Structure formats: C-alpha cells, structure tokens
Amino acid sequence: MIDNQYRWYPVYTNSRAEKRACKELQKKQIECYLPLKKELKQWSDRKKIVEEPLFTSYIFVKISSREYAEVLMTQGISRFLYFSGKIAIMPDKQMEDLKLLMSSGEDLELIEYEIQPGEKVLVNAGPFKGMIAELISIKNKKSLVLKLENLGYAIHVNTSMAYIEPFK
C-alpha cells in the first residue's frame, strides 16, 4: 500500500559511506540528516579536528513510502532498518530531540538525584526539554548516557541532573 505521509527512517549505509550517501540523497532532493560530532584526530605529523558520524553507518531520511526504492538505489545506502518485521520509523519528536541534542554545545552542572540506570526519564527543563529516554548510566557525575527508543543506540549527553526526573 502506498503511503504519502513523510516520515523519518533510519537507513544503514555501507562502511564509512555516511557523508557520501547523504550527499547523493540530497542530489536526488531527498531530505536526509546525518548527525556529526567533532573529534580530534592524531596523525604522525599533525592533529586535526574532524567531523565524524555520531552513529556509525546510519543516516536518517524523511520520505514517503513512494521513495523507498529511490533511497535503496542510492550509492552508499545498504538497507532500511527493520524492527518486528517492519521498516523502522523514527518519531518526529525523537528526531527533533536528536537535532536539539546535536545543536546544543552546553556543558551543564550535575546535581545528583535518586534515579537509577534502566529507568525512563523525562528532561523537564533546559535545551532538551520534553525528551523521554532511558537512563543508561551517569558518567563521572558530569554527564548522562541516555538511550533513544527505536534506534538501539545510547547518546552521551552533557546536561544537569536537575533537569531530569523519572518518567511515569
């Protein structure tokens, strides 16, 4: 059945082909998102800050079901991700949260609460307000590791524990 509604889908790319695949999709006028993080790389003669994909071998495309084949025929794209036998869909809210996380360079002070790893949490203030995630761990009392639903990845987030509360 053809669905004309545009949704975000995670797409698996060939190894180290994320940037190239995203450019190829943009040439086809297909909206894509590749979250990048800055890393300091060391070579024998120099150091350089480079942008690396946050999720190795993953990019996100916003398409309707009519563009499935066009995405798969793009150089560098391997396949769609499947969960429970269906192509995985990323909720718009989760994509907005991911973009917000990536755009915020804030390093916030932590205040400890009685929230344990494994619990669902709601970020109720600050730049990540409204995000719901699973708390994976608290690193060095300076940052959190949160798991984003539907993706199977965890993200290291610098935010204050004062902004986090258990999600009921």
Protein backbone atom coordinates (compact mmCIF):
# COMPACT_ATOMS: atom_id res chain seq x y z
CA MET A 1 0.00 0.00 0.00
CA ILE A 2 1.34 3.43 -0.96
CA ASP A 3 1.54 5.86 1.94
CA ASN A 4 2.05 9.52 1.01
CA GLN A 5 2.89 10.60 4.57
CA TYR A 6 6.51 11.69 5.05
CA ARG A 7 8.28 10.06 7.99
CA TRP A 8 11.84 9.73 9.27
CA TYR A 9 13.52 6.37 8.70
CA PRO A 10 16.94 5.18 9.87
CA VAL A 11 18.95 3.81 6.95
CA TYR A 12 22.04 1.62 7.15
CA THR A 13 24.94 2.72 4.92
CA ASN A 14 27.99 0.94 3.61
CA SER A 15 31.04 1.20 5.83
CA ARG A 16 32.35 4.79 6.10
CA ALA A 17 29.91 5.98 3.41
CA GLU A 18 27.60 8.12 5.56
CA LYS A 19 28.66 11.54 4.22
CA ARG A 20 28.77 10.42 0.60
CA ALA A 21 25.36 8.71 0.86
CA CYS A 22 23.82 11.82 2.41
CA LYS A 23 25.21 13.99 -0.44
CA GLU A 24 23.85 11.56 -3.03
CA LEU A 25 20.40 11.66 -1.39
CA GLN A 26 20.48 15.47 -1.37
CA LYS A 27 21.29 15.44 -5.10
CA LYS A 28 18.07 13.46 -5.54
CA GLN A 29 16.30 16.09 -3.40
CA ILE A 30 15.61 13.57 -0.63
CA GLU A 31 15.76 15.08 2.85
CA CYS A 32 18.38 13.40 4.99
CA TYR A 33 20.02 14.03 8.35
CA LEU A 34 23.49 12.91 9.38
CA PRO A 35 24.36 13.85 12.97
CA LEU A 36 28.07 14.65 13.18
CA LYS A 37 30.35 15.03 16.19
CA LYS A 38 33.74 16.74 16.29
CA GLU A 39 36.73 14.61 17.17
CA LEU A 40 40.40 15.40 17.49
CA LYS A 41 42.37 13.02 15.24
CA GLN A 42 46.10 12.44 15.61
CA TRP A 43 48.31 11.73 12.61
CA SER A 44 52.05 11.23 12.75
CA ASP A 45 52.71 14.83 11.62
CA ARG A 46 49.65 16.76 12.89
CA LYS A 47 46.42 16.91 14.84
CA LYS A 48 43.14 17.93 13.27
CA ILE A 49 39.52 18.30 14.39
CA VAL A 50 37.28 16.31 12.05
CA GLU A 51 33.54 15.67 11.92
CA GLU A 52 32.63 12.02 12.37
CA PRO A 53 29.14 10.44 12.26
CA LEU A 54 27.52 10.14 15.68
CA PHE A 55 26.06 6.76 14.67
CA THR A 56 28.46 4.72 12.57
CA SER A 57 26.83 3.52 9.32
CA TYR A 58 23.48 5.23 9.96
CA ILE A 59 21.74 8.22 8.42
CA PHE A 60 18.12 9.33 8.59
CA VAL A 61 15.85 10.04 5.62
CA LYS A 62 12.48 11.79 5.57
CA ILE A 63 10.45 10.16 2.82
CA SER A 64 7.08 8.66 1.97
CA SER A 65 6.80 5.01 1.01
CA ARG A 66 6.97 6.07 -2.68
CA GLU A 67 10.69 6.90 -2.25
CA TYR A 68 11.79 3.58 -0.65
CA ALA A 69 13.24 2.25 -3.90
CA GLU A 70 14.92 5.56 -4.78
CA VAL A 71 16.70 5.57 -1.40
CA LEU A 72 17.85 1.95 -1.85
CA MET A 73 19.20 2.75 -5.33
CA THR A 74 21.43 5.49 -3.89
CA GLN A 75 25.18 4.93 -3.86
CA GLY A 76 26.35 4.15 -0.31
CA ILE A 77 22.95 3.01 1.02
CA SER A 78 22.77 -0.60 2.13
CA ARG A 79 19.27 -1.13 3.56
CA PHE A 80 16.48 0.15 5.77
CA LEU A 81 16.42 -0.90 9.42
CA TYR A 82 13.67 -3.27 10.48
CA PHE A 83 12.04 -3.75 13.88
CA SER A 84 9.46 -6.53 14.39
CA GLY A 85 9.45 -7.28 10.67
CA LYS A 86 8.56 -3.73 9.59
CA ILE A 87 10.69 -0.85 8.37
CA ALA A 88 11.62 1.16 11.46
CA ILE A 89 10.10 4.63 11.75
CA MET A 90 11.66 7.38 13.85
CA PRO A 91 9.03 9.56 15.56
CA ASP A 92 9.24 13.24 14.58
CA LYS A 93 9.66 14.18 18.26
CA GLN A 94 12.65 11.88 18.59
CA MET A 95 14.28 13.37 15.50
CA GLU A 96 13.67 16.89 16.86
CA ASP A 97 15.24 15.78 20.17
CA LEU A 98 18.25 14.35 18.37
CA LYS A 99 18.73 17.57 16.36
CA LEU A 100 18.39 19.57 19.58
CA LEU A 101 20.98 17.41 21.32
CA MET A 102 23.38 17.87 18.42
CA SER A 103 22.90 21.63 18.22
CA SER A 104 23.41 22.26 21.93
CA GLY A 105 27.01 22.71 22.99
CA GLU A 106 26.11 23.28 26.62
CA ASP A 107 28.15 21.68 29.39
CA LEU A 108 25.86 21.85 32.41
CA GLU A 109 26.50 21.20 36.10
CA LEU A 110 25.11 17.95 37.53
CA ILE A 111 23.02 17.68 40.67
CA GLU A 112 22.55 14.11 41.88
CA TYR A 113 19.06 12.57 42.17
CA GLU A 114 17.77 9.14 43.11
CA ILE A 115 17.37 7.97 39.52
CA GLN A 116 18.87 4.61 38.69
CA PRO A 117 20.15 3.32 35.36
CA GLY A 118 17.41 1.47 33.48
CA GLU A 119 14.70 3.96 34.43
CA LYS A 120 12.80 6.04 31.90
CA VAL A 121 13.43 9.74 32.40
CA LEU A 122 11.88 12.97 31.22
CA VAL A 123 14.02 16.03 30.64
CA ASN A 124 11.83 18.81 32.04
CA ALA A 125 13.93 21.95 31.54
CA GLY A 126 16.78 23.36 29.56
CA PRO A 127 17.75 22.74 25.95
CA PHE A 128 16.46 19.13 25.88
CA LYS A 129 13.02 19.84 27.41
CA GLY A 130 10.41 17.18 26.65
CA MET A 131 12.83 14.41 25.67
CA ILE A 132 11.97 10.95 27.03
CA ALA A 133 14.76 8.39 27.16
CA GLU A 134 16.13 5.51 29.21
CA LEU A 135 18.93 6.43 31.61
CA ILE A 136 21.80 4.07 30.87
CA SER A 137 24.46 5.50 33.15
CA ILE A 138 25.82 8.58 34.87
CA LYS A 139 29.41 9.23 33.81
CA ASN A 140 31.76 10.82 36.35
CA LYS A 141 28.87 12.87 37.79
CA LYS A 142 29.31 15.25 34.87
CA SER A 143 27.13 13.75 32.15
CA LEU A 144 24.48 11.18 31.36
CA VAL A 145 24.15 8.37 28.86
CA LEU A 146 20.59 8.21 27.52
CA LYS A 147 19.14 5.53 25.22
CA LEU A 148 16.93 6.75 22.40
CA GLU A 149 13.99 4.46 21.68
CA ASN A 150 13.66 2.80 18.27
CA LEU A 151 17.31 3.24 17.42
CA GLY A 152 19.17 0.89 19.75
CA TYR A 153 21.89 3.47 20.42
CA ALA A 154 22.79 5.40 23.52
CA ILE A 155 23.91 9.03 23.49
CA HIS A 156 26.35 10.67 25.88
CA VAL A 157 24.65 13.91 26.99
CA ASN A 158 26.11 16.78 29.00
CA THR A 159 23.13 18.03 30.99
CA SER A 160 22.24 18.73 34.58
CA MET A 161 20.57 16.06 36.71
CA ALA A 162 18.41 18.93 37.94
CA TYR A 163 16.75 18.82 34.52
CA ILE A 164 15.92 15.10 34.75
CA GLU A 165 13.02 13.41 36.53
CA PRO A 166 11.64 9.87 36.47
CA PHE A 167 9.09 9.38 33.69
CA LYS A 168 5.88 7.75 34.91
